[in-house]
PDB file of all heavy atoms in Angstrom:
ATOM      1  N   GLY A   1       0.798  -1.214   0.004  1.00  0.00           N
ATOM      2  CA  GLY A   1      -0.013  -0.005   0.005  1.00  0.00           C
ATOM      3  C   GLY A   1       0.832   1.256   0.000  1.00  0.00           C
ATOM      4  O   GLY A   1       2.042   1.248   0.281  1.00  0.00           O
ATOM      5  N   TRP A   2       0.143   2.326  -0.343  1.00  0.00           N
ATOM      6  CA  TRP A   2       0.705   3.659  -0.259  1.00  0.00           C
ATOM      7  C   TRP A   2      -0.135   4.508   0.687  1.00  0.00           C
ATOM      8  O   TRP A   2      -1.389   4.455   0.627  1.00  0.00           O
ATOM      9  CB  TRP A   2       0.739   4.345  -1.636  1.00  0.00           C
ATOM     10  CG  TRP A   2       1.755   3.758  -2.564  1.00  0.00           C
ATOM     11  CD1 TRP A   2       1.555   2.798  -3.521  1.00  0.00           C
ATOM     12  CD2 TRP A   2       3.131   4.118  -2.629  1.00  0.00           C
ATOM     13  NE1 TRP A   2       2.720   2.536  -4.162  1.00  0.00           N
ATOM     14  CE2 TRP A   2       3.720   3.353  -3.670  1.00  0.00           C
ATOM     15  CE3 TRP A   2       3.974   5.020  -1.968  1.00  0.00           C
ATOM     16  CZ2 TRP A   2       5.059   3.425  -4.004  1.00  0.00           C
ATOM     17  CZ3 TRP A   2       5.287   5.126  -2.297  1.00  0.00           C
ATOM     18  CH2 TRP A   2       5.818   4.340  -3.311  1.00  0.00           C
ATOM     19  N   TYR A   3       0.529   5.220   1.549  1.00  0.00           N
ATOM     20  CA  TYR A   3      -0.127   6.131   2.468  1.00  0.00           C
ATOM     21  C   TYR A   3       0.557   7.484   2.350  1.00  0.00           C
ATOM     22  O   TYR A   3       1.655   7.580   1.786  1.00  0.00           O
ATOM     23  CB  TYR A   3       0.014   5.622   3.910  1.00  0.00           C
ATOM     24  CG  TYR A   3      -0.734   4.325   4.184  1.00  0.00           C
ATOM     25  CD1 TYR A   3      -0.306   3.123   3.683  1.00  0.00           C
ATOM     26  CD2 TYR A   3      -1.904   4.345   4.939  1.00  0.00           C
ATOM     27  CE1 TYR A   3      -1.018   1.945   3.889  1.00  0.00           C
ATOM     28  CE2 TYR A   3      -2.614   3.185   5.178  1.00  0.00           C
ATOM     29  CZ  TYR A   3      -2.139   2.001   4.674  1.00  0.00           C
ATOM     30  OH  TYR A   3      -2.868   0.843   4.905  1.00  0.00           O
ATOM     31  N   ARG A   4      -0.072   8.522   2.853  1.00  0.00           N
ATOM     32  CA  ARG A   4       0.542   9.833   2.781  1.00  0.00           C
ATOM     33  C   ARG A   4       0.245  10.613   4.024  1.00  0.00           C
ATOM     34  O   ARG A   4      -0.767  10.407   4.711  1.00  0.00           O
ATOM     35  CB  ARG A   4       0.108  10.598   1.551  1.00  0.00           C
ATOM     36  CG  ARG A   4      -1.378  11.016   1.547  1.00  0.00           C
ATOM     37  CD  ARG A   4      -1.753  11.614   0.227  1.00  0.00           C
ATOM     38  NE  ARG A   4      -3.128  12.033   0.173  1.00  0.00           N
ATOM     39  CZ  ARG A   4      -3.762  12.489  -0.924  1.00  0.00           C
ATOM     40  NH1 ARG A   4      -3.103  12.560  -2.094  1.00  0.00           N
ATOM     41  NH2 ARG A   4      -5.033  12.858  -0.850  1.00  0.00           N
ATOM     42  N   GLN A   5       1.109  11.575   4.312  1.00  0.00           N
ATOM     43  CA  GLN A   5       0.954  12.437   5.465  1.00  0.00           C
ATOM     44  C   GLN A   5       1.301  13.870   5.056  1.00  0.00           C
ATOM     45  O   GLN A   5       2.459  14.154   4.718  1.00  0.00           O
ATOM     46  CB  GLN A   5       1.792  12.002   6.626  1.00  0.00           C
ATOM     47  CG  GLN A   5       1.507  12.784   7.906  1.00  0.00           C
ATOM     48  CD  GLN A   5       2.136  12.118   9.134  1.00  0.00           C
ATOM     49  OE1 GLN A   5       3.011  11.272   9.038  1.00  0.00           O
ATOM     50  NE2 GLN A   5       1.657  12.509  10.302  1.00  0.00           N
ATOM     51  N   ALA A   6       0.288  14.707   5.079  1.00  0.00           N
ATOM     52  CA  ALA A   6       0.494  16.134   4.774  1.00  0.00           C
ATOM     53  C   ALA A   6       0.891  16.864   6.057  1.00  0.00           C
ATOM     54  O   ALA A   6       0.607  16.392   7.176  1.00  0.00           O
ATOM     55  CB  ALA A   6      -0.768  16.717   4.184  1.00  0.00           C
ATOM     56  N   PRO A   7       1.530  18.013   5.933  1.00  0.00           N
ATOM     57  CA  PRO A   7       1.920  18.798   7.093  1.00  0.00           C
ATOM     58  C   PRO A   7       0.730  19.053   8.017  1.00  0.00           C
ATOM     59  O   PRO A   7      -0.312  19.533   7.574  1.00  0.00           O
ATOM     60  CB  PRO A   7       2.488  20.077   6.520  1.00  0.00           C
ATOM     61  CG  PRO A   7       2.959  19.697   5.162  1.00  0.00           C
ATOM     62  CD  PRO A   7       1.975  18.665   4.690  1.00  0.00           C
ATOM     63  N   GLY A   8       0.884  18.741   9.292  1.00  0.00           N
ATOM     64  CA  GLY A   8      -0.156  19.002  10.264  1.00  0.00           C
ATOM     65  C   GLY A   8      -1.326  18.070  10.234  1.00  0.00           C
ATOM     66  O   GLY A   8      -2.290  18.280  10.950  1.00  0.00           O
ATOM     67  N   LYS A   9      -1.243  17.018   9.431  1.00  0.00           N
ATOM     68  CA  LYS A   9      -2.334  16.064   9.335  1.00  0.00           C
ATOM     69  C   LYS A   9      -1.844  14.667   9.677  1.00  0.00           C
ATOM     70  O   LYS A   9      -0.677  14.384   9.701  1.00  0.00           O
ATOM     71  CB  LYS A   9      -2.913  16.092   7.940  1.00  0.00           C
ATOM     72  CG  LYS A   9      -3.581  17.414   7.565  1.00  0.00           C
ATOM     73  CD  LYS A   9      -4.293  17.311   6.244  1.00  0.00           C
ATOM     74  CE  LYS A   9      -5.040  18.609   5.915  1.00  0.00           C
ATOM     75  NZ  LYS A   9      -5.776  18.492   4.594  1.00  0.00           N
ATOM     76  N   GLU A  10      -2.823  13.792   9.927  1.00  0.00           N
ATOM     77  CA  GLU A  10      -2.516  12.398  10.210  1.00  0.00           C
ATOM     78  C   GLU A  10      -2.219  11.642   8.907  1.00  0.00           C
ATOM     79  O   GLU A  10      -2.662  12.040   7.820  1.00  0.00           O
ATOM     80  CB  GLU A  10      -3.671  11.736  10.934  1.00  0.00           C
ATOM     81  CG  GLU A  10      -3.908  12.322  12.321  1.00  0.00           C
ATOM     82  CD  GLU A  10      -4.982  11.526  13.086  1.00  0.00           C
ATOM     83  OE1 GLU A  10      -5.601  10.652  12.486  1.00  0.00           O
ATOM     84  OE2 GLU A  10      -5.154  11.810  14.272  1.00  0.00           O
ATOM     85  N   ARG A  11      -1.478  10.558   9.030  1.00  0.00           N
ATOM     86  CA  ARG A  11      -1.223   9.709   7.910  1.00  0.00           C
ATOM     87  C   ARG A  11      -2.519   9.081   7.423  1.00  0.00           C
ATOM     88  O   ARG A  11      -3.346   8.619   8.261  1.00  0.00           O
ATOM     89  CB  ARG A  11      -0.214   8.625   8.283  1.00  0.00           C
ATOM     90  CG  ARG A  11       0.308   7.825   7.104  1.00  0.00           C
ATOM     91  CD  ARG A  11       1.414   6.871   7.528  1.00  0.00           C
ATOM     92  NE  ARG A  11       2.579   7.569   8.073  1.00  0.00           N
ATOM     93  CZ  ARG A  11       3.746   6.969   8.367  1.00  0.00           C
ATOM     94  NH1 ARG A  11       3.873   5.659   8.164  1.00  0.00           N
ATOM     95  NH2 ARG A  11       4.746   7.686   8.865  1.00  0.00           N
ATOM     96  N   GLU A  12      -2.713   9.033   6.114  1.00  0.00           N
ATOM     97  CA  GLU A  12      -3.946   8.474   5.565  1.00  0.00           C
ATOM     98  C   GLU A  12      -3.643   7.499   4.445  1.00  0.00           C
ATOM     99  O   GLU A  12      -2.648   7.605   3.776  1.00  0.00           O
ATOM    100  CB  GLU A  12      -4.840   9.607   5.026  1.00  0.00           C
ATOM    101  CG  GLU A  12      -4.255  10.401   3.889  1.00  0.00           C
ATOM    102  CD  GLU A  12      -5.207  11.447   3.328  1.00  0.00           C
ATOM    103  OE1 GLU A  12      -6.277  11.631   3.869  1.00  0.00           O
ATOM    104  OE2 GLU A  12      -4.814  12.096   2.337  1.00  0.00           O
ATOM    105  N   LEU A  13      -4.602   6.593   4.259  1.00  0.00           N
ATOM    106  CA  LEU A  13      -4.461   5.626   3.182  1.00  0.00           C
ATOM    107  C   LEU A  13      -4.639   6.294   1.815  1.00  0.00           C
ATOM    108  O   LEU A  13      -5.531   7.152   1.648  1.00  0.00           O
ATOM    109  CB  LEU A  13      -5.505   4.520   3.358  1.00  0.00           C
ATOM    110  CG  LEU A  13      -5.525   3.432   2.274  1.00  0.00           C
ATOM    111  CD1 LEU A  13      -5.922   2.100   2.922  1.00  0.00           C
ATOM    112  CD2 LEU A  13      -6.525   3.733   1.184  1.00  0.00           C
ATOM    113  N   VAL A  14      -3.779   5.927   0.882  1.00  0.00           N
ATOM    114  CA  VAL A  14      -3.960   6.383  -0.519  1.00  0.00           C
ATOM    115  C   VAL A  14      -4.509   5.233  -1.346  1.00  0.00           C
ATOM    116  O   VAL A  14      -5.527   5.361  -2.009  1.00  0.00           O
ATOM    117  CB  VAL A  14      -2.623   6.880  -1.077  1.00  0.00           C
ATOM    118  CG1 VAL A  14      -2.785   7.223  -2.556  1.00  0.00           C
ATOM    119  CG2 VAL A  14      -2.109   8.070  -0.297  1.00  0.00           C
ATOM    120  N   ALA A  15      -3.792   4.099  -1.310  1.00  0.00           N
ATOM    121  CA  ALA A  15      -4.213   2.961  -2.128  1.00  0.00           C
ATOM    122  C   ALA A  15      -3.531   1.708  -1.616  1.00  0.00           C
ATOM    123  O   ALA A  15      -2.399   1.768  -1.112  1.00  0.00           O
ATOM    124  CB  ALA A  15      -3.832   3.158  -3.605  1.00  0.00           C
ATOM    125  N   THR A  16      -4.211   0.572  -1.759  1.00  0.00           N
ATOM    126  CA  THR A  16      -3.624  -0.703  -1.429  1.00  0.00           C
ATOM    127  C   THR A  16      -3.928  -1.714  -2.524  1.00  0.00           C
ATOM    128  O   THR A  16      -4.921  -1.552  -3.286  1.00  0.00           O
ATOM    129  CB  THR A  16      -4.139  -1.269  -0.099  1.00  0.00           C
ATOM    130  OG1 THR A  16      -5.557  -1.474  -0.211  1.00  0.00           O
ATOM    131  CG2 THR A  16      -3.819  -0.383   1.069  1.00  0.00           C
ATOM    132  N   LYS A  17      -3.095  -2.739  -2.615  1.00  0.00           N
ATOM    133  CA  LYS A  17      -3.341  -3.817  -3.559  1.00  0.00           C
ATOM    134  C   LYS A  17      -2.913  -5.132  -2.912  1.00  0.00           C
ATOM    135  O   LYS A  17      -1.774  -5.278  -2.478  1.00  0.00           O
ATOM    136  CB  LYS A  17      -2.559  -3.610  -4.873  1.00  0.00           C
ATOM    137  CG  LYS A  17      -2.952  -4.611  -5.957  1.00  0.00           C
ATOM    138  CD  LYS A  17      -2.521  -4.135  -7.309  1.00  0.00           C
ATOM    139  CE  LYS A  17      -3.091  -5.034  -8.408  1.00  0.00           C
ATOM    140  NZ  LYS A  17      -2.880  -4.498  -9.769  1.00  0.00           N
ATOM    141  N   THR A  18      -3.864  -6.064  -2.849  1.00  0.00           N
ATOM    142  CA  THR A  18      -3.556  -7.332  -2.236  1.00  0.00           C
ATOM    143  C   THR A  18      -2.771  -8.240  -3.165  1.00  0.00           C
ATOM    144  O   THR A  18      -2.617  -7.946  -4.349  1.00  0.00           O
ATOM    145  CB  THR A  18      -4.874  -8.069  -1.853  1.00  0.00           C
ATOM    146  OG1 THR A  18      -5.544  -8.468  -3.039  1.00  0.00           O
ATOM    147  CG2 THR A  18      -5.785  -7.171  -1.027  1.00  0.00           C
ATOM    148  N   SER A  19      -2.296  -9.352  -2.619  1.00  0.00           N
ATOM    149  CA  SER A  19      -1.575 -10.306  -3.463  1.00  0.00           C
ATOM    150  C   SER A  19      -2.486 -10.916  -4.528  1.00  0.00           C
ATOM    151  O   SER A  19      -2.006 -11.336  -5.571  1.00  0.00           O
ATOM    152  CB  SER A  19      -0.963 -11.418  -2.587  1.00  0.00           C
ATOM    153  OG  SER A  19      -1.980 -12.061  -1.844  1.00  0.00           O
ATOM    154  N   GLY A  20      -3.790 -10.906  -4.260  1.00  0.00           N
ATOM    155  CA  GLY A  20      -4.734 -11.424  -5.243  1.00  0.00           C
ATOM    156  C   GLY A  20      -5.158 -10.414  -6.259  1.00  0.00           C
ATOM    157  O   GLY A  20      -5.910 -10.723  -7.201  1.00  0.00           O
ATOM    158  N   GLY A  21      -4.725  -9.160  -6.088  1.00  0.00           N
ATOM    159  CA  GLY A  21      -5.012  -8.138  -7.075  1.00  0.00           C
ATOM    160  C   GLY A  21      -6.118  -7.168  -6.732  1.00  0.00           C
ATOM    161  O   GLY A  21      -6.408  -6.252  -7.517  1.00  0.00           O
ATOM    162  N   THR A  22      -6.738  -7.369  -5.585  1.00  0.00           N
ATOM    163  CA  THR A  22      -7.824  -6.440  -5.186  1.00  0.00           C
ATOM    164  C   THR A  22      -7.229  -5.108  -4.774  1.00  0.00           C
ATOM    165  O   THR A  22      -6.293  -5.035  -3.989  1.00  0.00           O
ATOM    166  CB  THR A  22      -8.615  -7.006  -4.011  1.00  0.00           C
ATOM    167  OG1 THR A  22      -9.172  -8.266  -4.387  1.00  0.00           O
ATOM    168  CG2 THR A  22      -9.724  -6.087  -3.592  1.00  0.00           C
ATOM    169  N   THR A  23      -7.834  -4.047  -5.332  1.00  0.00           N
ATOM    170  CA  THR A  23      -7.350  -2.695  -5.016  1.00  0.00           C
ATOM    171  C   THR A  23      -8.359  -1.907  -4.202  1.00  0.00           C
ATOM    172  O   THR A  23      -9.558  -2.189  -4.241  1.00  0.00           O
ATOM    173  CB  THR A  23      -7.060  -1.892  -6.308  1.00  0.00           C
ATOM    174  OG1 THR A  23      -8.227  -1.867  -7.130  1.00  0.00           O
ATOM    175  CG2 THR A  23      -5.925  -2.551  -7.095  1.00  0.00           C
ATOM    176  N   ASN A  24      -7.839  -0.947  -3.493  1.00  0.00           N
ATOM    177  CA  ASN A  24      -8.674  -0.044  -2.691  1.00  0.00           C
ATOM    178  C   ASN A  24      -8.029   1.337  -2.742  1.00  0.00           C
ATOM    179  O   ASN A  24      -6.830   1.482  -2.590  1.00  0.00           O
ATOM    180  CB  ASN A  24      -8.710  -0.536  -1.234  1.00  0.00           C
ATOM    181  CG  ASN A  24      -9.597   0.337  -0.352  1.00  0.00           C
ATOM    182  OD1 ASN A  24     -10.659   0.745  -0.777  1.00  0.00           O
ATOM    183  ND2 ASN A  24      -9.130   0.634   0.843  1.00  0.00           N
ATOM    184  N   TYR A  25      -8.871   2.344  -3.019  1.00  0.00           N
ATOM    185  CA  TYR A  25      -8.390   3.706  -3.157  1.00  0.00           C
ATOM    186  C   TYR A  25      -9.139   4.642  -2.244  1.00  0.00           C
ATOM    187  O   TYR A  25     -10.349   4.473  -1.995  1.00  0.00           O
ATOM    188  CB  TYR A  25      -8.547   4.193  -4.601  1.00  0.00           C
ATOM    189  CG  TYR A  25      -7.696   3.505  -5.624  1.00  0.00           C
ATOM    190  CD1 TYR A  25      -8.192   2.436  -6.333  1.00  0.00           C
ATOM    191  CD2 TYR A  25      -6.410   3.938  -5.883  1.00  0.00           C
ATOM    192  CE1 TYR A  25      -7.438   1.784  -7.296  1.00  0.00           C
ATOM    193  CE2 TYR A  25      -5.632   3.305  -6.814  1.00  0.00           C
ATOM    194  CZ  TYR A  25      -6.135   2.224  -7.520  1.00  0.00           C
ATOM    195  OH  TYR A  25      -5.346   1.595  -8.448  1.00  0.00           O
ATOM    196  N   ALA A  26      -8.428   5.660  -1.778  1.00  0.00           N
ATOM    197  CA  ALA A  26      -9.116   6.739  -1.084  1.00  0.00           C
ATOM    198  C   ALA A  26     -10.002   7.468  -2.079  1.00  0.00           C
ATOM    199  O   ALA A  26      -9.662   7.585  -3.268  1.00  0.00           O
ATOM    200  CB  ALA A  26      -8.085   7.695  -0.506  1.00  0.00           C
ATOM    201  N   ASP A  27     -11.144   7.962  -1.596  1.00  0.00           N
ATOM    202  CA  ASP A  27     -12.069   8.663  -2.515  1.00  0.00           C
ATOM    203  C   ASP A  27     -11.368   9.839  -3.186  1.00  0.00           C
ATOM    204  O   ASP A  27     -11.669  10.157  -4.357  1.00  0.00           O
ATOM    205  CB  ASP A  27     -13.251   9.166  -1.709  1.00  0.00           C
ATOM    206  CG  ASP A  27     -14.185   8.051  -1.244  1.00  0.00           C
ATOM    207  OD1 ASP A  27     -14.082   6.941  -1.807  1.00  0.00           O
ATOM    208  OD2 ASP A  27     -15.026   8.297  -0.372  1.00  0.00           O
ATOM    209  N   SER A  28     -10.465  10.486  -2.475  1.00  0.00           N
ATOM    210  CA  SER A  28      -9.825  11.693  -2.987  1.00  0.00           C
ATOM    211  C   SER A  28      -8.883  11.427  -4.159  1.00  0.00           C
ATOM    212  O   SER A  28      -8.556  12.384  -4.886  1.00  0.00           O
ATOM    213  CB  SER A  28      -9.048  12.394  -1.871  1.00  0.00           C
ATOM    214  OG  SER A  28      -8.086  11.521  -1.333  1.00  0.00           O
ATOM    215  N   VAL A  29      -8.484  10.188  -4.352  1.00  0.00           N
ATOM    216  CA  VAL A  29      -7.558   9.883  -5.451  1.00  0.00           C
ATOM    217  C   VAL A  29      -8.165   8.942  -6.499  1.00  0.00           C
ATOM    218  O   VAL A  29      -7.537   8.693  -7.531  1.00  0.00           O
ATOM    219  CB  VAL A  29      -6.222   9.278  -4.927  1.00  0.00           C
ATOM    220  CG1 VAL A  29      -5.625  10.173  -3.870  1.00  0.00           C
ATOM    221  CG2 VAL A  29      -6.429   7.860  -4.420  1.00  0.00           C
ATOM    222  N   GLN A  30      -9.339   8.437  -6.214  1.00  0.00           N
ATOM    223  CA  GLN A  30     -10.004   7.518  -7.143  1.00  0.00           C
ATOM    224  C   GLN A  30     -10.092   8.120  -8.519  1.00  0.00           C
ATOM    225  O   GLN A  30     -10.532   9.283  -8.680  1.00  0.00           O
ATOM    226  CB  GLN A  30     -11.416   7.194  -6.604  1.00  0.00           C
ATOM    227  CG  GLN A  30     -12.205   6.208  -7.447  1.00  0.00           C
ATOM    228  CD  GLN A  30     -11.727   4.784  -7.235  1.00  0.00           C
ATOM    229  OE1 GLN A  30     -11.511   4.338  -6.098  1.00  0.00           O
ATOM    230  NE2 GLN A  30     -11.556   4.052  -8.317  1.00  0.00           N
ATOM    231  N   GLY A  31      -9.655   7.371  -9.514  1.00  0.00           N
ATOM    232  CA  GLY A  31      -9.729   7.871 -10.905  1.00  0.00           C
ATOM    233  C   GLY A  31      -8.512   8.637 -11.327  1.00  0.00           C
ATOM    234  O   GLY A  31      -8.347   8.925 -12.519  1.00  0.00           O
ATOM    235  N   ARG A  32      -7.686   9.040 -10.408  1.00  0.00           N
ATOM    236  CA  ARG A  32      -6.456   9.792 -10.731  1.00  0.00           C
ATOM    237  C   ARG A  32      -5.167   9.005 -10.481  1.00  0.00           C
ATOM    238  O   ARG A  32      -4.197   9.143 -11.192  1.00  0.00           O
ATOM    239  CB  ARG A  32      -6.408  11.094  -9.935  1.00  0.00           C
ATOM    240  CG  ARG A  32      -7.552  12.060 -10.185  1.00  0.00           C
ATOM    241  CD  ARG A  32      -7.309  13.370  -9.480  1.00  0.00           C
ATOM    242  NE  ARG A  32      -7.244  13.267  -8.034  1.00  0.00           N
ATOM    243  CZ  ARG A  32      -6.225  13.667  -7.286  1.00  0.00           C
ATOM    244  NH1 ARG A  32      -5.156  14.211  -7.866  1.00  0.00           N
ATOM    245  NH2 ARG A  32      -6.237  13.544  -5.969  1.00  0.00           N
ATOM    246  N   PHE A  33      -5.210   8.179  -9.443  1.00  0.00           N
ATOM    247  CA  PHE A  33      -4.033   7.412  -9.045  1.00  0.00           C
ATOM    248  C   PHE A  33      -4.263   5.923  -9.370  1.00  0.00           C
ATOM    249  O   PHE A  33      -5.408   5.419  -9.259  1.00  0.00           O
ATOM    250  CB  PHE A  33      -3.778   7.532  -7.547  1.00  0.00           C
ATOM    251  CG  PHE A  33      -3.314   8.893  -7.080  1.00  0.00           C
ATOM    252  CD1 PHE A  33      -3.331  10.006  -7.914  1.00  0.00           C
ATOM    253  CD2 PHE A  33      -2.864   9.046  -5.767  1.00  0.00           C
ATOM    254  CE1 PHE A  33      -2.899  11.221  -7.475  1.00  0.00           C
ATOM    255  CE2 PHE A  33      -2.407  10.278  -5.315  1.00  0.00           C
ATOM    256  CZ  PHE A  33      -2.457  11.391  -6.180  1.00  0.00           C
ATOM    257  N   THR A  34      -3.186   5.233  -9.688  1.00  0.00           N
ATOM    258  CA  THR A  34      -3.246   3.789  -9.945  1.00  0.00           C
ATOM    259  C   THR A  34      -2.100   3.087  -9.230  1.00  0.00           C
ATOM    260  O   THR A  34      -0.954   3.452  -9.431  1.00  0.00           O
ATOM    261  CB  THR A  34      -3.186   3.508 -11.449  1.00  0.00           C
ATOM    262  OG1 THR A  34      -4.220   4.164 -12.121  1.00  0.00           O
ATOM    263  CG2 THR A  34      -3.298   1.992 -11.704  1.00  0.00           C
ATOM    264  N   ILE A  35      -2.429   2.098  -8.437  1.00  0.00           N
ATOM    265  CA  ILE A  35      -1.433   1.288  -7.761  1.00  0.00           C
ATOM    266  C   ILE A  35      -1.213   0.004  -8.569  1.00  0.00           C
ATOM    267  O   ILE A  35      -2.148  -0.581  -9.100  1.00  0.00           O
ATOM    268  CB  ILE A  35      -1.830   0.928  -6.298  1.00  0.00           C
ATOM    269  CG1 ILE A  35      -0.702   0.234  -5.593  1.00  0.00           C
ATOM    270  CG2 ILE A  35      -3.134   0.134  -6.264  1.00  0.00           C
ATOM    271  CD1 ILE A  35      -0.924   0.058  -4.088  1.00  0.00           C
ATOM    272  N   SER A  36       0.046  -0.367  -8.694  1.00  0.00           N
ATOM    273  CA  SER A  36       0.348  -1.601  -9.402  1.00  0.00           C
ATOM    274  C   SER A  36       1.553  -2.268  -8.694  1.00  0.00           C
ATOM    275  O   SER A  36       2.230  -1.628  -7.888  1.00  0.00           O
ATOM    276  CB  SER A  36       0.672  -1.350 -10.900  1.00  0.00           C
ATOM    277  OG  SER A  36       1.788  -0.491 -10.994  1.00  0.00           O
ATOM    278  N   ARG A  37       1.747  -3.521  -8.997  1.00  0.00           N
ATOM    279  CA  ARG A  37       2.837  -4.239  -8.355  1.00  0.00           C
ATOM    280  C   ARG A  37       3.482  -5.197  -9.352  1.00  0.00           C
ATOM    281  O   ARG A  37       2.806  -5.769 -10.222  1.00  0.00           O
ATOM    282  CB  ARG A  37       2.353  -4.997  -7.118  1.00  0.00           C
ATOM    283  CG  ARG A  37       1.218  -5.961  -7.336  1.00  0.00           C
ATOM    284  CD  ARG A  37       0.613  -6.411  -6.020  1.00  0.00           C
ATOM    285  NE  ARG A  37       1.508  -7.275  -5.276  1.00  0.00           N
ATOM    286  CZ  ARG A  37       1.309  -7.608  -3.968  1.00  0.00           C
ATOM    287  NH1 ARG A  37       0.295  -7.124  -3.341  1.00  0.00           N
ATOM    288  NH2 ARG A  37       2.165  -8.382  -3.369  1.00  0.00           N
ATOM    289  N   ASP A  38       4.773  -5.390  -9.200  1.00  0.00           N
ATOM    290  CA  ASP A  38       5.525  -6.355  -9.989  1.00  0.00           C
ATOM    291  C   ASP A  38       6.158  -7.295  -8.987  1.00  0.00           C
ATOM    292  O   ASP A  38       7.215  -6.988  -8.419  1.00  0.00           O
ATOM    293  CB  ASP A  38       6.561  -5.641 -10.834  1.00  0.00           C
ATOM    294  CG  ASP A  38       7.276  -6.555 -11.799  1.00  0.00           C
ATOM    295  OD1 ASP A  38       7.318  -7.765 -11.513  1.00  0.00           O
ATOM    296  OD2 ASP A  38       7.830  -6.096 -12.786  1.00  0.00           O
ATOM    297  N   ASN A  39       5.521  -8.433  -8.771  1.00  0.00           N
ATOM    298  CA  ASN A  39       6.038  -9.374  -7.765  1.00  0.00           C
ATOM    299  C   ASN A  39       7.411  -9.926  -8.137  1.00  0.00           C
ATOM    300  O   ASN A  39       8.222 -10.263  -7.253  1.00  0.00           O
ATOM    301  CB  ASN A  39       5.055 -10.537  -7.555  1.00  0.00           C
ATOM    302  CG  ASN A  39       3.774 -10.061  -6.876  1.00  0.00           C
ATOM    303  OD1 ASN A  39       3.737  -9.031  -6.220  1.00  0.00           O
ATOM    304  ND2 ASN A  39       2.711 -10.849  -7.035  1.00  0.00           N
ATOM    305  N   ALA A  40       7.674 -10.036  -9.426  1.00  0.00           N
ATOM    306  CA  ALA A  40       9.009 -10.557  -9.858  1.00  0.00           C
ATOM    307  C   ALA A  40      10.114  -9.587  -9.456  1.00  0.00           C
ATOM    308  O   ALA A  40      11.271 -10.049  -9.245  1.00  0.00           O
ATOM    309  CB  ALA A  40       8.988 -10.768 -11.355  1.00  0.00           C
ATOM    310  N   LYS A  41       9.787  -8.317  -9.375  1.00  0.00           N
ATOM    311  CA  LYS A  41      10.787  -7.310  -9.009  1.00  0.00           C
ATOM    312  C   LYS A  41      10.643  -6.863  -7.555  1.00  0.00           C
ATOM    313  O   LYS A  41      11.383  -5.981  -7.114  1.00  0.00           O
ATOM    314  CB  LYS A  41      10.700  -6.096  -9.936  1.00  0.00           C
ATOM    315  CG  LYS A  41      11.017  -6.412 -11.384  1.00  0.00           C
ATOM    316  CD  LYS A  41      10.925  -5.146 -12.247  1.00  0.00           C
ATOM    317  CE  LYS A  41      11.321  -5.432 -13.685  1.00  0.00           C
ATOM    318  NZ  LYS A  41      11.251  -4.226 -14.533  1.00  0.00           N
ATOM    319  N   ASP A  42       9.668  -7.428  -6.864  1.00  0.00           N
ATOM    320  CA  ASP A  42       9.408  -7.015  -5.468  1.00  0.00           C
ATOM    321  C   ASP A  42       9.240  -5.506  -5.379  1.00  0.00           C
ATOM    322  O   ASP A  42       9.782  -4.848  -4.471  1.00  0.00           O
ATOM    323  CB  ASP A  42      10.512  -7.509  -4.534  1.00  0.00           C
ATOM    324  CG  ASP A  42      10.614  -9.009  -4.509  1.00  0.00           C
ATOM    325  OD1 ASP A  42       9.580  -9.690  -4.549  1.00  0.00           O
ATOM    326  OD2 ASP A  42      11.764  -9.525  -4.478  1.00  0.00           O
ATOM    327  N   THR A  43       8.457  -4.982  -6.284  1.00  0.00           N
ATOM    328  CA  THR A  43       8.291  -3.530  -6.374  1.00  0.00           C
ATOM    329  C   THR A  43       6.818  -3.195  -6.528  1.00  0.00           C
ATOM    330  O   THR A  43       6.073  -3.907  -7.233  1.00  0.00           O
ATOM    331  CB  THR A  43       9.099  -2.958  -7.545  1.00  0.00           C
ATOM    332  OG1 THR A  43      10.480  -3.267  -7.348  1.00  0.00           O
ATOM    333  CG2 THR A  43       8.939  -1.458  -7.646  1.00  0.00           C
ATOM    334  N   VAL A  44       6.428  -2.107  -5.915  1.00  0.00           N
ATOM    335  CA  VAL A  44       5.040  -1.573  -6.070  1.00  0.00           C
ATOM    336  C   VAL A  44       5.158  -0.153  -6.574  1.00  0.00           C
ATOM    337  O   VAL A  44       6.137   0.556  -6.214  1.00  0.00           O
ATOM    338  CB  VAL A  44       4.276  -1.688  -4.746  1.00  0.00           C
ATOM    339  CG1 VAL A  44       4.900  -0.854  -3.652  1.00  0.00           C
ATOM    340  CG2 VAL A  44       2.795  -1.323  -4.961  1.00  0.00           C
TER     341      VAL A  44
END
């Protein structure tokens, strides 16, 4: 997953992706951000 923390604010979820491929996005980034993963490279 990716999370973010703006100055003076709490850390919040941006997006997650399970090993099975299920994704979850914060409403504020839905449609603008895309999470992906390359398990062969151990990279998200």
